[in-house]
Amino acid sequence: MTERKKKIIITAVVIALGITFVAVGISRGENREVLRKAVNICMECIGIG
């Protein structure tokens, strides 16, 4: 196996893991929690909250 093929396989595995983790997080509703925390942090920086 050439070095180039190894890099392609590793890249594909990492991308697949990333997609899997994002899908699991969305299915658990984590995206709403992240958005809520981001809004709170933003409001604190602006000085509104």
PDB file of N, CA and C in Angstrom:
ATOM      1  N   MET A   1       0.845  -1.178   0.000  1.00  0.00           N
ATOM      2  CA  MET A   1       0.000   0.000   0.000  1.00  0.00           C
ATOM      3  C   MET A   1       0.892   1.245   0.000  1.00  0.00           C
ATOM      4  N   THR A   2       0.586   2.152  -0.886  1.00  0.00           N
ATOM      5  CA  THR A   2       1.407   3.355  -0.987  1.00  0.00           C
ATOM      6  C   THR A   2       1.045   4.358   0.095  1.00  0.00           C
ATOM      7  N   GLU A   3       1.935   5.297   0.290  1.00  0.00           N
ATOM      8  CA  GLU A   3       1.720   6.346   1.299  1.00  0.00           C
ATOM      9  C   GLU A   3       0.478   7.178   0.969  1.00  0.00           C
ATOM     10  N   ARG A   4       0.260   7.419  -0.298  1.00  0.00           N
ATOM     11  CA  ARG A   4      -0.895   8.223  -0.727  1.00  0.00           C
ATOM     12  C   ARG A   4      -2.213   7.511  -0.396  1.00  0.00           C
ATOM     13  N   LYS A   5      -2.261   6.206  -0.619  1.00  0.00           N
ATOM     14  CA  LYS A   5      -3.470   5.441  -0.318  1.00  0.00           C
ATOM     15  C   LYS A   5      -3.748   5.418   1.183  1.00  0.00           C
ATOM     16  N   LYS A   6      -2.685   5.320   1.981  1.00  0.00           N
ATOM     17  CA  LYS A   6      -2.847   5.337   3.431  1.00  0.00           C
ATOM     18  C   LYS A   6      -3.455   6.661   3.888  1.00  0.00           C
ATOM     19  N   LYS A   7      -2.961   7.763   3.324  1.00  0.00           N
ATOM     20  CA  LYS A   7      -3.485   9.076   3.693  1.00  0.00           C
ATOM     21  C   LYS A   7      -4.948   9.217   3.301  1.00  0.00           C
ATOM     22  N   ILE A   8      -5.308   8.695   2.143  1.00  0.00           N
ATOM     23  CA  ILE A   8      -6.695   8.772   1.689  1.00  0.00           C
ATOM     24  C   ILE A   8      -7.602   7.961   2.617  1.00  0.00           C
ATOM     25  N   ILE A   9      -7.148   6.769   3.006  1.00  0.00           N
ATOM     26  CA  ILE A   9      -7.946   5.928   3.895  1.00  0.00           C
ATOM     27  C   ILE A   9      -8.103   6.580   5.261  1.00  0.00           C
ATOM     28  N   ILE A  10      -7.020   7.117   5.800  1.00  0.00           N
ATOM     29  CA  ILE A  10      -7.090   7.789   7.100  1.00  0.00           C
ATOM     30  C   ILE A  10      -8.017   8.993   7.030  1.00  0.00           C
ATOM     31  N   THR A  11      -7.916   9.768   5.975  1.00  0.00           N
ATOM     32  CA  THR A  11      -8.790  10.927   5.796  1.00  0.00           C
ATOM     33  C   THR A  11     -10.253  10.503   5.729  1.00  0.00           C
ATOM     34  N   ALA A  12     -10.545   9.454   4.987  1.00  0.00           N
ATOM     35  CA  ALA A  12     -11.919   8.971   4.855  1.00  0.00           C
ATOM     36  C   ALA A  12     -12.461   8.490   6.203  1.00  0.00           C
ATOM     37  N   VAL A  13     -11.627   7.799   6.974  1.00  0.00           N
ATOM     38  CA  VAL A  13     -12.066   7.306   8.287  1.00  0.00           C
ATOM     39  C   VAL A  13     -12.349   8.472   9.230  1.00  0.00           C
ATOM     40  N   VAL A  14     -11.488   9.468   9.226  1.00  0.00           N
ATOM     41  CA  VAL A  14     -11.678  10.630  10.105  1.00  0.00           C
ATOM     42  C   VAL A  14     -12.946  11.394   9.715  1.00  0.00           C
ATOM     43  N   ILE A  15     -13.181  11.566   8.430  1.00  0.00           N
ATOM     44  CA  ILE A  15     -14.392  12.248   7.976  1.00  0.00           C
ATOM     45  C   ILE A  15     -15.636  11.443   8.368  1.00  0.00           C
ATOM     46  N   ALA A  16     -15.586  10.129   8.203  1.00  0.00           N
ATOM     47  CA  ALA A  16     -16.719   9.283   8.570  1.00  0.00           C
ATOM     48  C   ALA A  16     -16.995   9.362  10.071  1.00  0.00           C
ATOM     49  N   LEU A  17     -15.943   9.361  10.888  1.00  0.00           N
ATOM     50  CA  LEU A  17     -16.133   9.498  12.332  1.00  0.00           C
ATOM     51  C   LEU A  17     -16.738  10.857  12.684  1.00  0.00           C
ATOM     52  N   GLY A  18     -16.267  11.900  12.038  1.00  0.00           N
ATOM     53  CA  GLY A  18     -16.815  13.231  12.283  1.00  0.00           C
ATOM     54  C   GLY A  18     -18.288  13.308  11.955  1.00  0.00           C
ATOM     55  N   ILE A  19     -18.671  12.761  10.815  1.00  0.00           N
ATOM     56  CA  ILE A  19     -20.077  12.758  10.414  1.00  0.00           C
ATOM     57  C   ILE A  19     -20.909  11.949  11.403  1.00  0.00           C
ATOM     58  N   THR A  20     -20.365  10.816  11.845  1.00  0.00           N
ATOM     59  CA  THR A  20     -21.077   9.975  12.814  1.00  0.00           C
ATOM     60  C   THR A  20     -21.295  10.722  14.124  1.00  0.00           C
ATOM     61  N   PHE A  21     -20.251  11.382  14.631  1.00  0.00           N
ATOM     62  CA  PHE A  21     -20.380  12.108  15.889  1.00  0.00           C
ATOM     63  C   PHE A  21     -21.361  13.275  15.776  1.00  0.00           C
ATOM     64  N   VAL A  22     -21.350  13.967  14.663  1.00  0.00           N
ATOM     65  CA  VAL A  22     -22.302  15.061  14.451  1.00  0.00           C
ATOM     66  C   VAL A  22     -23.730  14.512  14.423  1.00  0.00           C
ATOM     67  N   ALA A  23     -23.936  13.402  13.744  1.00  0.00           N
ATOM     68  CA  ALA A  23     -25.269  12.803  13.671  1.00  0.00           C
ATOM     69  C   ALA A  23     -25.758  12.352  15.048  1.00  0.00           C
ATOM     70  N   VAL A  24     -24.872  11.761  15.836  1.00  0.00           N
ATOM     71  CA  VAL A  24     -25.249  11.334  17.187  1.00  0.00           C
ATOM     72  C   VAL A  24     -25.601  12.550  18.041  1.00  0.00           C
ATOM     73  N   GLY A  25     -24.813  13.597  17.942  1.00  0.00           N
ATOM     74  CA  GLY A  25     -25.098  14.809  18.710  1.00  0.00           C
ATOM     75  C   GLY A  25     -26.426  15.432  18.330  1.00  0.00           C
ATOM     76  N   ILE A  26     -26.730  15.485  17.051  1.00  0.00           N
ATOM     77  CA  ILE A  26     -28.010  16.044  16.605  1.00  0.00           C
ATOM     78  C   ILE A  26     -29.162  15.173  17.083  1.00  0.00           C
ATOM     79  N   SER A  27     -28.993  13.859  17.021  1.00  0.00           N
ATOM     80  CA  SER A  27     -30.076  12.966  17.453  1.00  0.00           C
ATOM     81  C   SER A  27     -30.346  13.080  18.951  1.00  0.00           C
ATOM     82  N   ARG A  28     -29.331  13.489  19.713  1.00  0.00           N
ATOM     83  CA  ARG A  28     -29.503  13.671  21.159  1.00  0.00           C
ATOM     84  C   ARG A  28     -29.959  15.083  21.518  1.00  0.00           C
ATOM     85  N   GLY A  29     -30.088  15.954  20.545  1.00  0.00           N
ATOM     86  CA  GLY A  29     -30.533  17.317  20.794  1.00  0.00           C
ATOM     87  C   GLY A  29     -29.432  18.235  21.292  1.00  0.00           C
ATOM     88  N   GLU A  30     -28.193  17.844  21.114  1.00  0.00           N
ATOM     89  CA  GLU A  30     -27.078  18.648  21.599  1.00  0.00           C
ATOM     90  C   GLU A  30     -26.947  19.963  20.839  1.00  0.00           C
ATOM     91  N   ASN A  31     -27.413  20.004  19.600  1.00  0.00           N
ATOM     92  CA  ASN A  31     -27.281  21.234  18.814  1.00  0.00           C
ATOM     93  C   ASN A  31     -28.061  22.377  19.462  1.00  0.00           C
ATOM     94  N   ARG A  32     -29.205  22.078  20.051  1.00  0.00           N
ATOM     95  CA  ARG A  32     -29.980  23.133  20.740  1.00  0.00           C
ATOM     96  C   ARG A  32     -29.242  23.650  21.970  1.00  0.00           C
ATOM     97  N   GLU A  33     -28.614  22.737  22.693  1.00  0.00           N
ATOM     98  CA  GLU A  33     -27.864  23.123  23.887  1.00  0.00           C
ATOM     99  C   GLU A  33     -26.663  23.993  23.518  1.00  0.00           C
ATOM    100  N   VAL A  34     -25.963  23.638  22.457  1.00  0.00           N
ATOM    101  CA  VAL A  34     -24.815  24.430  22.003  1.00  0.00           C
ATOM    102  C   VAL A  34     -25.273  25.822  21.569  1.00  0.00           C
ATOM    103  N   LEU A  35     -26.375  25.902  20.854  1.00  0.00           N
ATOM    104  CA  LEU A  35     -26.890  27.202  20.424  1.00  0.00           C
ATOM    105  C   LEU A  35     -27.289  28.053  21.624  1.00  0.00           C
ATOM    106  N   ARG A  36     -27.936  27.436  22.615  1.00  0.00           N
ATOM    107  CA  ARG A  36     -28.346  28.173  23.815  1.00  0.00           C
ATOM    108  C   ARG A  36     -27.124  28.738  24.537  1.00  0.00           C
ATOM    109  N   LYS A  37     -26.087  27.928  24.685  1.00  0.00           N
ATOM    110  CA  LYS A  37     -24.878  28.400  25.359  1.00  0.00           C
ATOM    111  C   LYS A  37     -24.190  29.500  24.558  1.00  0.00           C
ATOM    112  N   ALA A  38     -24.176  29.361  23.244  1.00  0.00           N
ATOM    113  CA  ALA A  38     -23.549  30.383  22.398  1.00  0.00           C
ATOM    114  C   ALA A  38     -24.291  31.711  22.523  1.00  0.00           C
ATOM    115  N   VAL A  39     -25.604  31.666  22.559  1.00  0.00           N
ATOM    116  CA  VAL A  39     -26.393  32.895  22.700  1.00  0.00           C
ATOM    117  C   VAL A  39     -26.106  33.532  24.052  1.00  0.00           C
ATOM    118  N   ASN A  40     -26.058  32.728  25.115  1.00  0.00           N
ATOM    119  CA  ASN A  40     -25.777  33.277  26.452  1.00  0.00           C
ATOM    120  C   ASN A  40     -24.400  33.926  26.506  1.00  0.00           C
ATOM    121  N   ILE A  41     -23.402  33.270  25.937  1.00  0.00           N
ATOM    122  CA  ILE A  41     -22.055  33.839  25.935  1.00  0.00           C
ATOM    123  C   ILE A  41     -22.038  35.142  25.135  1.00  0.00           C
ATOM    124  N   CYS A  42     -22.705  35.160  23.997  1.00  0.00           N
ATOM    125  CA  CYS A  42     -22.730  36.347  23.161  1.00  0.00           C
ATOM    126  C   CYS A  42     -23.410  37.509  23.888  1.00  0.00           C
ATOM    127  N   MET A  43     -24.516  37.209  24.549  1.00  0.00           N
ATOM    128  CA  MET A  43     -25.232  38.262  25.272  1.00  0.00           C
ATOM    129  C   MET A  43     -24.394  38.810  26.423  1.00  0.00           C
ATOM    130  N   GLU A  44     -23.605  37.954  27.065  1.00  0.00           N
ATOM    131  CA  GLU A  44     -22.749  38.428  28.133  1.00  0.00           C
ATOM    132  C   GLU A  44     -21.629  39.319  27.610  1.00  0.00           C
ATOM    133  N   CYS A  45     -21.092  38.971  26.439  1.00  0.00           N
ATOM    134  CA  CYS A  45     -20.013  39.780  25.859  1.00  0.00           C
ATOM    135  C   CYS A  45     -20.528  41.159  25.448  1.00  0.00           C
ATOM    136  N   ILE A  46     -21.712  41.190  24.901  1.00  0.00           N
ATOM    137  CA  ILE A  46     -22.295  42.459  24.487  1.00  0.00           C
ATOM    138  C   ILE A  46     -22.710  43.278  25.705  1.00  0.00           C
ATOM    139  N   GLY A  47     -23.049  42.602  26.795  1.00  0.00           N
ATOM    140  CA  GLY A  47     -23.437  43.280  28.018  1.00  0.00           C
ATOM    141  C   GLY A  47     -24.943  43.369  28.190  1.00  0.00           C
ATOM    142  N   ILE A  48     -25.696  42.634  27.396  1.00  0.00           N
ATOM    143  CA  ILE A  48     -27.154  42.677  27.501  1.00  0.00           C
ATOM    144  C   ILE A  48     -27.617  41.757  28.629  1.00  0.00           C
ATOM    145  N   GLY A  49     -26.991  40.581  28.741  1.00  0.00           N
ATOM    146  CA  GLY A  49     -27.480  39.552  29.660  1.00  0.00           C
ATOM    147  C   GLY A  49     -26.868  39.557  30.962  1.00  0.00           C
TER     148      GLY A  49
END
